[in-house]
Amino acid sequence: MRCFCITDDPDVLTGMRLAGIEGLHASTKKDVDAAVSRVCADSGIAILIITEGCYALSRERLDELKLSAGRPLVNVIADSRGSVRARDYITRLINEAIGIKI
C-alpha cells in the first residue's frame, strides 16, 4: 500500500518526493477534486496526505471521504508556513470530546 500527497506548497511536494511519496500540486478546488478522484480510483493508495490549504478548498468532500470510506485514510498536515490551527487545538479537542480540562 502506498501514500499519496496533495499539496499547494512546492516545498512540501519536494520533501514528500524525497521521502519516496508520490504527489500532486493542486492550487484550485478543481485541481484538488481531480486529485482526490484519482486517489480514490487507485486501489493501491492507502493513505492520502493533504495540506491544510488544499483541505480548506475541498473540505466537504474530504470530510465525507473521512467518514464514509475505509480507504484511503485522510491525513491533514501543515505546510511549510506552519499550521493554521489554534495553539490549543488538541486541548480544546479533548475538552469537547470527553469534557476534561487540561
PDB file of N, CA and C in Angstrom:
ATOM      1  N   MET A   1       0.839  -1.175   0.000  1.00  0.00           N
ATOM      2  CA  MET A   1       0.000   0.000   0.000  1.00  0.00           C
ATOM      3  C   MET A   1       0.886   1.241   0.000  1.00  0.00           C
ATOM      4  N   ARG A   2       0.446   2.233  -0.741  1.00  0.00           N
ATOM      5  CA  ARG A   2       1.239   3.439  -0.928  1.00  0.00           C
ATOM      6  C   ARG A   2       0.569   4.648  -0.284  1.00  0.00           C
ATOM      7  N   CYS A   3       1.375   5.694  -0.131  1.00  0.00           N
ATOM      8  CA  CYS A   3       0.888   7.002   0.314  1.00  0.00           C
ATOM      9  C   CYS A   3       0.883   7.931  -0.889  1.00  0.00           C
ATOM     10  N   PHE A   4       0.044   8.956  -0.832  1.00  0.00           N
ATOM     11  CA  PHE A   4      -0.019   9.954  -1.893  1.00  0.00           C
ATOM     12  C   PHE A   4      -0.257  11.304  -1.240  1.00  0.00           C
ATOM     13  N   CYS A   5       0.395  12.335  -1.754  1.00  0.00           N
ATOM     14  CA  CYS A   5       0.303  13.675  -1.163  1.00  0.00           C
ATOM     15  C   CYS A   5      -0.320  14.656  -2.149  1.00  0.00           C
ATOM     16  N   ILE A   6      -1.281  15.437  -1.667  1.00  0.00           N
ATOM     17  CA  ILE A   6      -1.854  16.540  -2.439  1.00  0.00           C
ATOM     18  C   ILE A   6      -1.534  17.817  -1.669  1.00  0.00           C
ATOM     19  N   THR A   7      -0.851  18.743  -2.325  1.00  0.00           N
ATOM     20  CA  THR A   7      -0.408  19.947  -1.638  1.00  0.00           C
ATOM     21  C   THR A   7      -0.463  21.167  -2.548  1.00  0.00           C
ATOM     22  N   ASP A   8      -0.562  22.330  -1.932  1.00  0.00           N
ATOM     23  CA  ASP A   8      -0.470  23.588  -2.670  1.00  0.00           C
ATOM     24  C   ASP A   8       0.884  24.249  -2.431  1.00  0.00           C
ATOM     25  N   ASP A   9       1.772  23.546  -1.753  1.00  0.00           N
ATOM     26  CA  ASP A   9       3.083  24.069  -1.390  1.00  0.00           C
ATOM     27  C   ASP A   9       4.180  23.258  -2.087  1.00  0.00           C
ATOM     28  N   PRO A  10       4.957  23.875  -2.973  1.00  0.00           N
ATOM     29  CA  PRO A  10       6.001  23.130  -3.684  1.00  0.00           C
ATOM     30  C   PRO A  10       7.077  22.554  -2.760  1.00  0.00           C
ATOM     31  N   ASP A  11       7.335  23.205  -1.624  1.00  0.00           N
ATOM     32  CA  ASP A  11       8.332  22.689  -0.687  1.00  0.00           C
ATOM     33  C   ASP A  11       7.878  21.368  -0.066  1.00  0.00           C
ATOM     34  N   VAL A  12       6.607  21.278   0.277  1.00  0.00           N
ATOM     35  CA  VAL A  12       6.063  20.034   0.834  1.00  0.00           C
ATOM     36  C   VAL A  12       6.134  18.928  -0.213  1.00  0.00           C
ATOM     37  N   LEU A  13       5.779  19.249  -1.450  1.00  0.00           N
ATOM     38  CA  LEU A  13       5.812  18.262  -2.522  1.00  0.00           C
ATOM     39  C   LEU A  13       7.231  17.742  -2.741  1.00  0.00           C
ATOM     40  N   THR A  14       8.209  18.628  -2.726  1.00  0.00           N
ATOM     41  CA  THR A  14       9.604  18.221  -2.877  1.00  0.00           C
ATOM     42  C   THR A  14      10.035  17.317  -1.732  1.00  0.00           C
ATOM     43  N   GLY A  15       9.691  17.691  -0.510  1.00  0.00           N
ATOM     44  CA  GLY A  15      10.040  16.869   0.650  1.00  0.00           C
ATOM     45  C   GLY A  15       9.410  15.492   0.603  1.00  0.00           C
ATOM     46  N   MET A  16       8.153  15.429   0.215  1.00  0.00           N
ATOM     47  CA  MET A  16       7.472  14.137   0.119  1.00  0.00           C
ATOM     48  C   MET A  16       8.110  13.269  -0.961  1.00  0.00           C
ATOM     49  N   ARG A  17       8.447  13.872  -2.084  1.00  0.00           N
ATOM     50  CA  ARG A  17       9.093  13.107  -3.155  1.00  0.00           C
ATOM     51  C   ARG A  17      10.456  12.594  -2.719  1.00  0.00           C
ATOM     52  N   LEU A  18      11.193  13.401  -1.960  1.00  0.00           N
ATOM     53  CA  LEU A  18      12.485  12.941  -1.437  1.00  0.00           C
ATOM     54  C   LEU A  18      12.311  11.771  -0.472  1.00  0.00           C
ATOM     55  N   ALA A  19      11.168  11.724   0.194  1.00  0.00           N
ATOM     56  CA  ALA A  19      10.868  10.628   1.124  1.00  0.00           C
ATOM     57  C   ALA A  19      10.265   9.424   0.404  1.00  0.00           C
ATOM     58  N   GLY A  20      10.082   9.528  -0.913  1.00  0.00           N
ATOM     59  CA  GLY A  20       9.546   8.414  -1.681  1.00  0.00           C
ATOM     60  C   GLY A  20       8.038   8.394  -1.806  1.00  0.00           C
ATOM     61  N   ILE A  21       7.391   9.506  -1.490  1.00  0.00           N
ATOM     62  CA  ILE A  21       5.929   9.588  -1.560  1.00  0.00           C
ATOM     63  C   ILE A  21       5.542  10.378  -2.805  1.00  0.00           C
ATOM     64  N   GLU A  22       4.715   9.776  -3.643  1.00  0.00           N
ATOM     65  CA  GLU A  22       4.229  10.453  -4.841  1.00  0.00           C
ATOM     66  C   GLU A  22       3.284  11.577  -4.433  1.00  0.00           C
ATOM     67  N   GLY A  23       3.091  12.530  -5.338  1.00  0.00           N
ATOM     68  CA  GLY A  23       2.173  13.605  -5.018  1.00  0.00           C
ATOM     69  C   GLY A  23       1.863  14.489  -6.196  1.00  0.00           C
ATOM     70  N   LEU A  24       0.919  15.391  -5.974  1.00  0.00           N
ATOM     71  CA  LEU A  24       0.495  16.362  -6.977  1.00  0.00           C
ATOM     72  C   LEU A  24       0.395  17.743  -6.357  1.00  0.00           C
ATOM     73  N   HIS A  25       0.678  18.747  -7.168  1.00  0.00           N
ATOM     74  CA  HIS A  25       0.472  20.131  -6.756  1.00  0.00           C
ATOM     75  C   HIS A  25      -0.931  20.533  -7.198  1.00  0.00           C
ATOM     76  N   ALA A  26      -1.731  21.033  -6.288  1.00  0.00           N
ATOM     77  CA  ALA A  26      -3.104  21.442  -6.598  1.00  0.00           C
ATOM     78  C   ALA A  26      -3.363  22.791  -5.940  1.00  0.00           C
ATOM     79  N   SER A  27      -3.682  23.785  -6.754  1.00  0.00           N
ATOM     80  CA  SER A  27      -3.873  25.126  -6.196  1.00  0.00           C
ATOM     81  C   SER A  27      -5.310  25.631  -6.285  1.00  0.00           C
ATOM     82  N   THR A  28      -6.192  24.877  -6.952  1.00  0.00           N
ATOM     83  CA  THR A  28      -7.596  25.279  -7.048  1.00  0.00           C
ATOM     84  C   THR A  28      -8.491  24.133  -6.580  1.00  0.00           C
ATOM     85  N   LYS A  29      -9.738  24.455  -6.300  1.00  0.00           N
ATOM     86  CA  LYS A  29     -10.696  23.433  -5.871  1.00  0.00           C
ATOM     87  C   LYS A  29     -10.848  22.355  -6.940  1.00  0.00           C
ATOM     88  N   LYS A  30     -10.861  22.760  -8.189  1.00  0.00           N
ATOM     89  CA  LYS A  30     -10.987  21.808  -9.295  1.00  0.00           C
ATOM     90  C   LYS A  30      -9.798  20.842  -9.316  1.00  0.00           C
ATOM     91  N   ASP A  31      -8.586  21.369  -9.107  1.00  0.00           N
ATOM     92  CA  ASP A  31      -7.385  20.528  -9.069  1.00  0.00           C
ATOM     93  C   ASP A  31      -7.435  19.544  -7.904  1.00  0.00           C
ATOM     94  N   VAL A  32      -7.857  20.035  -6.736  1.00  0.00           N
ATOM     95  CA  VAL A  32      -7.934  19.177  -5.549  1.00  0.00           C
ATOM     96  C   VAL A  32      -8.958  18.067  -5.762  1.00  0.00           C
ATOM     97  N   ASP A  33     -10.133  18.412  -6.278  1.00  0.00           N
ATOM     98  CA  ASP A  33     -11.168  17.406  -6.523  1.00  0.00           C
ATOM     99  C   ASP A  33     -10.703  16.356  -7.529  1.00  0.00           C
ATOM    100  N   ALA A  34     -10.006  16.784  -8.581  1.00  0.00           N
ATOM    101  CA  ALA A  34      -9.494  15.839  -9.577  1.00  0.00           C
ATOM    102  C   ALA A  34      -8.449  14.912  -8.958  1.00  0.00           C
ATOM    103  N   ALA A  35      -7.580  15.460  -8.115  1.00  0.00           N
ATOM    104  CA  ALA A  35      -6.553  14.646  -7.466  1.00  0.00           C
ATOM    105  C   ALA A  35      -7.172  13.654  -6.484  1.00  0.00           C
ATOM    106  N   VAL A  36      -8.185  14.081  -5.738  1.00  0.00           N
ATOM    107  CA  VAL A  36      -8.864  13.182  -4.796  1.00  0.00           C
ATOM    108  C   VAL A  36      -9.556  12.056  -5.559  1.00  0.00           C
ATOM    109  N   SER A  37     -10.172  12.375  -6.685  1.00  0.00           N
ATOM    110  CA  SER A  37     -10.814  11.348  -7.511  1.00  0.00           C
ATOM    111  C   SER A  37      -9.791  10.339  -8.005  1.00  0.00           C
ATOM    112  N   ARG A  38      -8.628  10.832  -8.400  1.00  0.00           N
ATOM    113  CA  ARG A  38      -7.551   9.942  -8.856  1.00  0.00           C
ATOM    114  C   ARG A  38      -7.097   9.005  -7.734  1.00  0.00           C
ATOM    115  N   VAL A  39      -6.954   9.551  -6.543  1.00  0.00           N
ATOM    116  CA  VAL A  39      -6.528   8.738  -5.395  1.00  0.00           C
ATOM    117  C   VAL A  39      -7.581   7.685  -5.059  1.00  0.00           C
ATOM    118  N   CYS A  40      -8.843   8.067  -5.055  1.00  0.00           N
ATOM    119  CA  CYS A  40      -9.920   7.128  -4.731  1.00  0.00           C
ATOM    120  C   CYS A  40     -10.026   6.011  -5.763  1.00  0.00           C
ATOM    121  N   ALA A  41      -9.690   6.309  -7.012  1.00  0.00           N
ATOM    122  CA  ALA A  41      -9.771   5.309  -8.076  1.00  0.00           C
ATOM    123  C   ALA A  41      -8.612   4.315  -8.036  1.00  0.00           C
ATOM    124  N   ASP A  42      -7.517   4.681  -7.389  1.00  0.00           N
ATOM    125  CA  ASP A  42      -6.337   3.816  -7.320  1.00  0.00           C
ATOM    126  C   ASP A  42      -6.395   2.973  -6.051  1.00  0.00           C
ATOM    127  N   SER A  43      -6.624   1.685  -6.205  1.00  0.00           N
ATOM    128  CA  SER A  43      -6.764   0.805  -5.037  1.00  0.00           C
ATOM    129  C   SER A  43      -5.443   0.561  -4.314  1.00  0.00           C
ATOM    130  N   GLY A  44      -4.334   0.954  -4.899  1.00  0.00           N
ATOM    131  CA  GLY A  44      -3.037   0.764  -4.266  1.00  0.00           C
ATOM    132  C   GLY A  44      -2.667   1.850  -3.278  1.00  0.00           C
ATOM    133  N   ILE A  45      -3.427   2.941  -3.264  1.00  0.00           N
ATOM    134  CA  ILE A  45      -3.130   4.053  -2.354  1.00  0.00           C
ATOM    135  C   ILE A  45      -3.958   3.889  -1.086  1.00  0.00           C
ATOM    136  N   ALA A  46      -3.260   3.764   0.051  1.00  0.00           N
ATOM    137  CA  ALA A  46      -3.935   3.544   1.327  1.00  0.00           C
ATOM    138  C   ALA A  46      -4.032   4.811   2.169  1.00  0.00           C
ATOM    139  N   ILE A  47      -3.081   5.734   1.991  1.00  0.00           N
ATOM    140  CA  ILE A  47      -3.050   6.941   2.819  1.00  0.00           C
ATOM    141  C   ILE A  47      -2.962   8.167   1.922  1.00  0.00           C
ATOM    142  N   LEU A  48      -3.871   9.104   2.130  1.00  0.00           N
ATOM    143  CA  LEU A  48      -3.850  10.387   1.427  1.00  0.00           C
ATOM    144  C   LEU A  48      -3.365  11.445   2.408  1.00  0.00           C
ATOM    145  N   ILE A  49      -2.237  12.054   2.088  1.00  0.00           N
ATOM    146  CA  ILE A  49      -1.693  13.142   2.892  1.00  0.00           C
ATOM    147  C   ILE A  49      -2.039  14.435   2.162  1.00  0.00           C
ATOM    148  N   ILE A  50      -2.710  15.344   2.845  1.00  0.00           N
ATOM    149  CA  ILE A  50      -3.146  16.588   2.201  1.00  0.00           C
ATOM    150  C   ILE A  50      -2.830  17.765   3.119  1.00  0.00           C
ATOM    151  N   THR A  51      -2.342  18.846   2.542  1.00  0.00           N
ATOM    152  CA  THR A  51      -2.014  20.017   3.357  1.00  0.00           C
ATOM    153  C   THR A  51      -3.285  20.785   3.720  1.00  0.00           C
ATOM    154  N   GLU A  52      -3.188  21.574   4.772  1.00  0.00           N
ATOM    155  CA  GLU A  52      -4.348  22.319   5.272  1.00  0.00           C
ATOM    156  C   GLU A  52      -4.937  23.245   4.214  1.00  0.00           C
ATOM    157  N   GLY A  53      -4.092  23.835   3.373  1.00  0.00           N
ATOM    158  CA  GLY A  53      -4.580  24.731   2.334  1.00  0.00           C
ATOM    159  C   GLY A  53      -5.460  24.013   1.325  1.00  0.00           C
ATOM    160  N   CYS A  54      -5.046  22.833   0.887  1.00  0.00           N
ATOM    161  CA  CYS A  54      -5.850  22.038  -0.052  1.00  0.00           C
ATOM    162  C   CYS A  54      -7.092  21.491   0.637  1.00  0.00           C
ATOM    163  N   TYR A  55      -6.952  21.114   1.893  1.00  0.00           N
ATOM    164  CA  TYR A  55      -8.098  20.609   2.651  1.00  0.00           C
ATOM    165  C   TYR A  55      -9.193  21.674   2.735  1.00  0.00           C
ATOM    166  N   ALA A  56      -8.790  22.920   2.930  1.00  0.00           N
ATOM    167  CA  ALA A  56      -9.763  24.013   3.027  1.00  0.00           C
ATOM    168  C   ALA A  56     -10.508  24.228   1.710  1.00  0.00           C
ATOM    169  N   LEU A  57      -9.867  23.932   0.594  1.00  0.00           N
ATOM    170  CA  LEU A  57     -10.505  24.114  -0.710  1.00  0.00           C
ATOM    171  C   LEU A  57     -11.607  23.095  -0.968  1.00  0.00           C
ATOM    172  N   SER A  58     -11.467  21.897  -0.402  1.00  0.00           N
ATOM    173  CA  SER A  58     -12.438  20.833  -0.670  1.00  0.00           C
ATOM    174  C   SER A  58     -12.844  20.129   0.623  1.00  0.00           C
ATOM    175  N   ARG A  59     -13.102  20.917   1.645  1.00  0.00           N
ATOM    176  CA  ARG A  59     -13.392  20.393   2.984  1.00  0.00           C
ATOM    177  C   ARG A  59     -14.575  19.426   3.009  1.00  0.00           C
ATOM    178  N   GLU A  60     -15.671  19.763   2.330  1.00  0.00           N
ATOM    179  CA  GLU A  60     -16.878  18.927   2.386  1.00  0.00           C
ATOM    180  C   GLU A  60     -16.604  17.528   1.834  1.00  0.00           C
ATOM    181  N   ARG A  61     -15.960  17.483   0.670  1.00  0.00           N
ATOM    182  CA  ARG A  61     -15.690  16.185   0.041  1.00  0.00           C
ATOM    183  C   ARG A  61     -14.724  15.356   0.878  1.00  0.00           C
ATOM    184  N   LEU A  62     -13.702  15.985   1.406  1.00  0.00           N
ATOM    185  CA  LEU A  62     -12.715  15.250   2.198  1.00  0.00           C
ATOM    186  C   LEU A  62     -13.295  14.782   3.531  1.00  0.00           C
ATOM    187  N   ASP A  63     -14.150  15.592   4.150  1.00  0.00           N
ATOM    188  CA  ASP A  63     -14.811  15.155   5.383  1.00  0.00           C
ATOM    189  C   ASP A  63     -15.711  13.957   5.113  1.00  0.00           C
ATOM    190  N   GLU A  64     -16.415  13.993   3.996  1.00  0.00           N
ATOM    191  CA  GLU A  64     -17.267  12.866   3.611  1.00  0.00           C
ATOM    192  C   GLU A  64     -16.421  11.614   3.378  1.00  0.00           C
ATOM    193  N   LEU A  65     -15.276  11.787   2.742  1.00  0.00           N
ATOM    194  CA  LEU A  65     -14.369  10.666   2.493  1.00  0.00           C
ATOM    195  C   LEU A  65     -13.830  10.104   3.806  1.00  0.00           C
ATOM    196  N   LYS A  66     -13.496  10.985   4.746  1.00  0.00           N
ATOM    197  CA  LYS A  66     -13.003  10.541   6.055  1.00  0.00           C
ATOM    198  C   LYS A  66     -14.037   9.677   6.778  1.00  0.00           C
ATOM    199  N   LEU A  67     -15.294  10.090   6.717  1.00  0.00           N
ATOM    200  CA  LEU A  67     -16.343   9.421   7.482  1.00  0.00           C
ATOM    201  C   LEU A  67     -16.910   8.184   6.803  1.00  0.00           C
ATOM    202  N   SER A  68     -16.866   8.124   5.477  1.00  0.00           N
ATOM    203  CA  SER A  68     -17.563   7.042   4.786  1.00  0.00           C
ATOM    204  C   SER A  68     -16.663   5.931   4.278  1.00  0.00           C
ATOM    205  N   ALA A  69     -15.464   6.213   3.953  1.00  0.00           N
ATOM    206  CA  ALA A  69     -14.621   5.207   3.303  1.00  0.00           C
ATOM    207  C   ALA A  69     -13.560   4.665   4.249  1.00  0.00           C
ATOM    208  N   GLY A  70     -13.204   3.421   4.031  1.00  0.00           N
ATOM    209  CA  GLY A  70     -12.114   2.844   4.791  1.00  0.00           C
ATOM    210  C   GLY A  70     -10.781   3.137   4.131  1.00  0.00           C
ATOM    211  N   ARG A  71     -10.816   3.437   2.857  1.00  0.00           N
ATOM    212  CA  ARG A  71      -9.613   3.700   2.098  1.00  0.00           C
ATOM    213  C   ARG A  71      -9.881   4.824   1.129  1.00  0.00           C
ATOM    214  N   PRO A  72      -9.046   5.774   1.010  1.00  0.00           N
ATOM    215  CA  PRO A  72      -7.797   5.988   1.727  1.00  0.00           C
ATOM    216  C   PRO A  72      -8.019   6.700   3.067  1.00  0.00           C
ATOM    217  N   LEU A  73      -7.091   6.495   3.955  1.00  0.00           N
ATOM    218  CA  LEU A  73      -7.078   7.219   5.220  1.00  0.00           C
ATOM    219  C   LEU A  73      -6.608   8.640   4.912  1.00  0.00           C
ATOM    220  N   VAL A  74      -7.377   9.637   5.307  1.00  0.00           N
ATOM    221  CA  VAL A  74      -7.048  11.036   5.010  1.00  0.00           C
ATOM    222  C   VAL A  74      -6.317  11.640   6.201  1.00  0.00           C
ATOM    223  N   ASN A  75      -5.125  12.181   5.942  1.00  0.00           N
ATOM    224  CA  ASN A  75      -4.312  12.789   6.980  1.00  0.00           C
ATOM    225  C   ASN A  75      -3.994  14.228   6.574  1.00  0.00           C
ATOM    226  N   VAL A  76      -4.426  15.196   7.369  1.00  0.00           N
ATOM    227  CA  VAL A  76      -4.202  16.612   7.071  1.00  0.00           C
ATOM    228  C   VAL A  76      -2.947  17.070   7.806  1.00  0.00           C
ATOM    229  N   ILE A  77      -2.021  17.686   7.050  1.00  0.00           N
ATOM    230  CA  ILE A  77      -0.765  18.161   7.634  1.00  0.00           C
ATOM    231  C   ILE A  77      -0.608  19.656   7.373  1.00  0.00           C
ATOM    232  N   ALA A  78       0.275  20.284   8.127  1.00  0.00           N
ATOM    233  CA  ALA A  78       0.609  21.692   7.907  1.00  0.00           C
ATOM    234  C   ALA A  78       1.542  21.796   6.702  1.00  0.00           C
ATOM    235  N   ASP A  79       1.588  22.976   6.100  1.00  0.00           N
ATOM    236  CA  ASP A  79       2.539  23.173   5.014  1.00  0.00           C
ATOM    237  C   ASP A  79       3.807  23.814   5.570  1.00  0.00           C
ATOM    238  N   SER A  80       4.688  24.268   4.700  1.00  0.00           N
ATOM    239  CA  SER A  80       5.971  24.807   5.162  1.00  0.00           C
ATOM    240  C   SER A  80       5.829  26.139   5.897  1.00  0.00           C
ATOM    241  N   ARG A  81       4.667  26.770   5.803  1.00  0.00           N
ATOM    242  CA  ARG A  81       4.428  28.033   6.514  1.00  0.00           C
ATOM    243  C   ARG A  81       3.904  27.809   7.929  1.00  0.00           C
ATOM    244  N   GLY A  82       3.634  26.574   8.281  1.00  0.00           N
ATOM    245  CA  GLY A  82       3.136  26.260   9.611  1.00  0.00           C
ATOM    246  C   GLY A  82       1.646  25.998   9.616  1.00  0.00           C
ATOM    247  N   SER A  83       1.145  25.618  10.756  1.00  0.00           N
ATOM    248  CA  SER A  83      -0.254  25.254  10.905  1.00  0.00           C
ATOM    249  C   SER A  83      -1.142  26.484  11.054  1.00  0.00           C
ATOM    250  N   VAL A  84      -2.366  26.375  10.553  1.00  0.00           N
ATOM    251  CA  VAL A  84      -3.333  27.462  10.717  1.00  0.00           C
ATOM    252  C   VAL A  84      -4.254  27.206  11.909  1.00  0.00           C
ATOM    253  N   ARG A  85      -4.077  26.082  12.560  1.00  0.00           N
ATOM    254  CA  ARG A  85      -4.892  25.748  13.733  1.00  0.00           C
ATOM    255  C   ARG A  85      -4.462  26.571  14.941  1.00  0.00           C
ATOM    256  N   ALA A  86      -5.367  26.727  15.873  1.00  0.00           N
ATOM    257  CA  ALA A  86      -5.069  27.455  17.104  1.00  0.00           C
ATOM    258  C   ALA A  86      -4.050  26.682  17.934  1.00  0.00           C
ATOM    259  N   ARG A  87      -3.343  27.384  18.791  1.00  0.00           N
ATOM    260  CA  ARG A  87      -2.308  26.743  19.611  1.00  0.00           C
ATOM    261  C   ARG A  87      -2.876  25.663  20.524  1.00  0.00           C
ATOM    262  N   ASP A  88      -4.063  25.895  21.049  1.00  0.00           N
ATOM    263  CA  ASP A  88      -4.650  24.951  21.998  1.00  0.00           C
ATOM    264  C   ASP A  88      -5.624  23.991  21.312  1.00  0.00           C
ATOM    265  N   TYR A  89      -5.390  23.682  20.065  1.00  0.00           N
ATOM    266  CA  TYR A  89      -6.293  22.843  19.281  1.00  0.00           C
ATOM    267  C   TYR A  89      -6.519  21.476  19.939  1.00  0.00           C
ATOM    268  N   ILE A  90      -5.452  20.797  20.314  1.00  0.00           N
ATOM    269  CA  ILE A  90      -5.565  19.456  20.901  1.00  0.00           C
ATOM    270  C   ILE A  90      -6.269  19.523  22.252  1.00  0.00           C
ATOM    271  N   THR A  91      -5.919  20.499  23.080  1.00  0.00           N
ATOM    272  CA  THR A  91      -6.553  20.653  24.385  1.00  0.00           C
ATOM    273  C   THR A  91      -8.051  20.891  24.235  1.00  0.00           C
ATOM    274  N   ARG A  92      -8.436  21.766  23.295  1.00  0.00           N
ATOM    275  CA  ARG A  92      -9.855  22.021  23.049  1.00  0.00           C
ATOM    276  C   ARG A  92     -10.567  20.779  22.541  1.00  0.00           C
ATOM    277  N   LEU A  93      -9.903  20.023  21.670  1.00  0.00           N
ATOM    278  CA  LEU A  93     -10.488  18.805  21.125  1.00  0.00           C
ATOM    279  C   LEU A  93     -10.766  17.787  22.232  1.00  0.00           C
ATOM    280  N   ILE A  94      -9.828  17.617  23.149  1.00  0.00           N
ATOM    281  CA  ILE A  94     -10.007  16.694  24.277  1.00  0.00           C
ATOM    282  C   ILE A  94     -11.139  17.185  25.172  1.00  0.00           C
ATOM    283  N   ASN A  95     -11.163  18.478  25.445  1.00  0.00           N
ATOM    284  CA  ASN A  95     -12.210  19.053  26.291  1.00  0.00           C
ATOM    285  C   ASN A  95     -13.592  18.838  25.681  1.00  0.00           C
ATOM    286  N   GLU A  96     -13.721  19.057  24.377  1.00  0.00           N
ATOM    287  CA  GLU A  96     -15.011  18.867  23.711  1.00  0.00           C
ATOM    288  C   GLU A  96     -15.409  17.396  23.654  1.00  0.00           C
ATOM    289  N   ALA A  97     -14.431  16.517  23.469  1.00  0.00           N
ATOM    290  CA  ALA A  97     -14.732  15.095  23.299  1.00  0.00           C
ATOM    291  C   ALA A  97     -15.125  14.417  24.607  1.00  0.00           C
ATOM    292  N   ILE A  98     -14.366  14.681  25.676  1.00  0.00           N
ATOM    293  CA  ILE A  98     -14.635  13.951  26.920  1.00  0.00           C
ATOM    294  C   ILE A  98     -14.930  14.852  28.113  1.00  0.00           C
ATOM    295  N   GLY A  99     -14.855  16.151  27.923  1.00  0.00           N
ATOM    296  CA  GLY A  99     -15.240  17.075  28.983  1.00  0.00           C
ATOM    297  C   GLY A  99     -14.218  17.274  30.075  1.00  0.00           C
ATOM    298  N   ILE A 100     -12.961  16.953  29.813  1.00  0.00           N
ATOM    299  CA  ILE A 100     -11.911  17.129  30.817  1.00  0.00           C
ATOM    300  C   ILE A 100     -11.059  18.328  30.433  1.00  0.00           C
ATOM    301  N   LYS A 101     -10.853  19.233  31.390  1.00  0.00           N
ATOM    302  CA  LYS A 101      -9.976  20.375  31.144  1.00  0.00           C
ATOM    303  C   LYS A 101      -8.558  20.004  31.548  1.00  0.00           C
ATOM    304  N   ILE A 102      -7.632  20.329  30.659  1.00  0.00           N
ATOM    305  CA  ILE A 102      -6.220  20.017  30.924  1.00  0.00           C
ATOM    306  C   ILE A 102      -5.475  21.304  31.182  1.00  0.00           C
TER     307      ILE A 102
END
